Protein backbone atom coordinates (compact mmCIF):
# COMPACT_ATOMS: atom_id res chain seq x y z
CA MET A 1 0.00 0.00 0.00
CA ALA A 2 1.29 3.47 -0.90
CA SER A 3 2.11 5.93 1.82
CA ILE A 4 2.25 9.71 1.92
CA PRO A 5 4.49 11.96 4.00
CA TYR A 6 3.36 12.56 7.59
CA GLU A 7 0.62 9.90 7.57
CA THR A 8 2.11 8.27 10.66
CA ALA A 9 2.65 11.58 12.47
CA THR A 10 1.55 11.56 16.10
CA SER A 11 2.67 14.97 17.34
CA GLY A 12 -0.59 16.86 16.78
CA ASN A 13 -0.82 19.53 19.46
CA LYS A 14 2.84 19.00 20.42
CA ALA A 15 3.78 20.19 16.92
CA LEU A 16 1.70 23.34 17.49
CA VAL A 17 3.63 23.99 20.71
CA GLU A 18 6.88 23.56 18.78
CA ILE A 19 5.64 26.12 16.23
CA GLN A 20 5.04 28.58 19.05
CA ARG A 21 8.57 28.04 20.39
CA THR A 22 10.06 28.53 16.91
CA LEU A 23 8.11 31.74 16.39
CA GLU A 24 8.98 33.05 19.87
CA LYS A 25 12.69 32.52 19.18
CA PHE A 26 12.22 34.28 15.85
CA GLY A 27 10.86 37.33 17.66
CA CYS A 28 7.14 37.13 16.99
CA GLN A 29 5.03 39.40 19.17
CA SER A 30 1.93 37.20 19.17
CA PHE A 31 0.89 33.71 18.18
CA GLY A 32 -2.28 31.65 18.11
CA THR A 33 -3.83 28.53 16.60
CA MET A 34 -7.39 27.81 15.70
CA THR A 35 -9.47 25.05 14.17
CA ASP A 36 -12.06 25.75 11.50
CA ALA A 37 -14.06 22.52 11.59
CA GLU A 38 -16.48 23.66 8.88
CA ARG A 39 -13.71 24.14 6.32
CA GLY A 40 -11.47 21.43 7.82
CA LEU A 41 -8.50 23.70 8.54
CA THR A 42 -5.87 24.25 11.18
CA ILE A 43 -4.96 27.94 11.25
CA VAL A 44 -1.79 29.47 12.67
CA GLN A 45 -1.64 33.24 13.07
CA PHE A 46 1.27 35.32 14.26
CA LYS A 47 2.64 38.83 14.20
CA TRP A 48 6.23 39.72 13.35
CA ARG A 49 7.36 43.36 13.10
CA ASP A 50 3.81 44.59 12.47
CA ARG A 51 3.21 41.95 9.79
CA GLN A 52 0.14 39.84 10.52
CA ILE A 53 0.38 36.33 9.08
CA GLY A 54 -2.36 33.71 8.70
CA LEU A 55 -1.39 30.20 7.63
CA GLU A 56 -4.07 27.67 6.76
CA ALA A 57 -3.56 23.92 6.42
CA SER A 58 -6.42 21.76 5.17
CA TRP A 59 -6.88 18.46 6.90
CA LYS A 60 -9.75 17.73 4.49
CA GLY A 61 -7.24 18.09 1.67
CA TYR A 62 -4.75 15.85 3.45
CA ALA A 63 -7.52 13.30 4.16
CA ALA A 64 -8.40 13.20 0.45
CA ALA A 65 -4.74 12.54 -0.43
CA TRP A 66 -4.57 9.79 2.23
CA GLN A 67 -7.73 8.20 0.86
CA LYS A 68 -6.25 8.23 -2.64
CA ALA A 69 -3.17 6.40 -1.32
CA HIS A 70 -5.31 4.04 0.79
CA PRO A 71 -8.55 3.37 -1.14
CA TRP A 72 -11.55 2.34 0.94
CA ALA A 73 -11.84 -1.00 -0.88
CA SER A 74 -8.37 -1.97 0.34
CA VAL A 75 -9.07 -1.06 3.98
CA ARG A 76 -10.92 -4.07 5.35
CA GLY A 77 -13.01 -4.07 8.49
CA ASN A 78 -14.21 -0.44 8.33
CA ASP A 79 -17.50 0.91 7.14
CA ARG A 80 -17.33 3.96 4.87
CA GLN A 81 -18.11 6.48 7.64
CA ALA A 82 -15.43 5.03 9.93
CA TYR A 83 -12.96 5.13 7.03
CA ASP A 84 -13.79 8.79 6.33
CA ARG A 85 -13.45 9.68 10.04
CA LYS A 86 -10.08 7.90 10.19
CA ALA A 87 -8.85 9.82 7.14
CA LEU A 88 -9.89 13.16 8.69
CA GLU A 89 -8.22 12.30 12.00
CA ILE A 90 -4.99 11.33 10.24
CA GLY A 91 -5.17 14.59 8.26
CA ARG A 92 -5.89 16.68 11.34
CA THR A 93 -2.79 15.30 13.07
CA ALA A 94 -0.55 15.32 10.00
CA VAL A 95 -1.10 18.97 9.09
CA CYS A 96 0.22 20.04 12.49
CA SER A 97 3.55 18.38 11.72
CA VAL A 98 3.52 19.71 8.15
CA LEU A 99 2.98 23.25 9.47
CA ARG A 100 5.71 22.81 12.09
CA ASP A 101 8.28 21.70 9.55
CA TRP A 102 7.22 24.26 6.94
CA ILE A 103 7.39 27.15 9.41
CA LYS A 104 10.73 25.96 10.78
CA GLY A 105 12.12 25.82 7.23
CA GLN A 106 10.77 29.23 6.27
CA VAL A 107 11.99 30.91 9.45
CA THR A 108 15.42 29.33 8.93
CA ALA A 109 15.49 30.67 5.35
CA VAL A 110 14.77 34.18 6.66
CA GLU A 111 17.28 33.95 9.51
CA CYS A 112 20.02 32.73 7.17
CA GLY A 113 19.33 35.41 4.58
CA ILE A 114 18.26 32.93 1.91
CA MET A 115 14.95 34.77 1.46
CA SER A 116 13.31 37.84 2.92
CA PHE A 117 10.41 37.58 5.36
CA ASP A 118 8.12 39.20 2.80
CA ALA A 119 9.17 36.77 0.05
CA VAL A 120 8.49 33.80 2.32
CA PHE A 121 5.26 34.87 3.97
CA MET A 122 3.64 37.43 1.63
CA PRO A 123 0.89 35.14 0.34
CA HIS A 124 -0.19 34.60 3.95
CA MET A 125 -0.01 38.23 5.12
CA LEU A 126 -3.31 39.58 6.35
CA LEU A 127 -4.66 42.68 4.67
CA PRO A 128 -6.49 45.34 6.74
CA SER A 129 -9.74 43.54 5.79
CA GLY A 130 -8.45 40.33 7.44
CA GLU A 131 -8.18 38.61 4.07
CA ARG A 132 -4.91 36.93 3.14
CA VAL A 133 -2.98 38.30 0.14
CA ILE A 134 -3.21 34.93 -1.65
CA ASP A 135 -7.00 34.83 -1.20
CA ARG A 136 -7.33 38.34 -2.66
CA VAL A 137 -5.10 37.45 -5.61
CA GLU A 138 -7.09 34.29 -6.32
CA SER A 139 -10.52 35.93 -5.97
CA SER A 140 -9.58 38.86 -8.21
CA GLY A 141 -8.25 36.66 -11.02
CA MET A 142 -4.90 38.49 -11.04
CA LEU A 143 -3.12 35.29 -12.05
CA PRO A 144 -4.16 33.00 -14.89
CA ALA A 145 -5.78 29.72 -13.91
CA PRO A 146 -3.22 26.94 -13.41
CA ASP A 147 -2.77 24.25 -16.03
CA ASP A 148 -4.87 21.21 -15.01
CA LYS A 149 -1.95 18.86 -15.69
CA ILE A 150 0.24 20.67 -13.18
CA VAL A 151 -2.54 20.79 -10.56
CA LYS A 152 -3.04 17.04 -10.81
CA LEU A 153 0.64 16.44 -10.15
CA THR A 154 0.76 18.71 -7.09
CA ARG A 155 -2.34 17.16 -5.55
CA SER A 156 -0.92 13.66 -5.56
CA CYS A 157 1.42 14.37 -2.62
């Protein structure tokens, strides 16, 4: 059976605590996490030098990728609802570790001068309206729609 990165992660909330420590060492003035159960997201928000950042990680998206790697027909002994719940729980835990590692990598890139803070986090900066830059760009159609072939490759984890 195929596997995808982080599917055996167990850190969950411990990874969120590690994110807070990383951001504190980096000099962030504030930090918080939140769950949006309706959209299936874990959200990390922080402030660094008057820049408000909002990162969103979809556990529904991760669950869909896990289900693609582990089709329901191959998972014996579970009914469909139990299978779907298991996929969401794996996704909910995995995205915490994904966020931890992503943030640690991005902060390291800034600290080492590889990239600027703005270059790393601009898509996730919050505008005065509370909307993220990336959401505004996508909703306004500023960028052309991605090629479907490329999207399919990136969604396969």
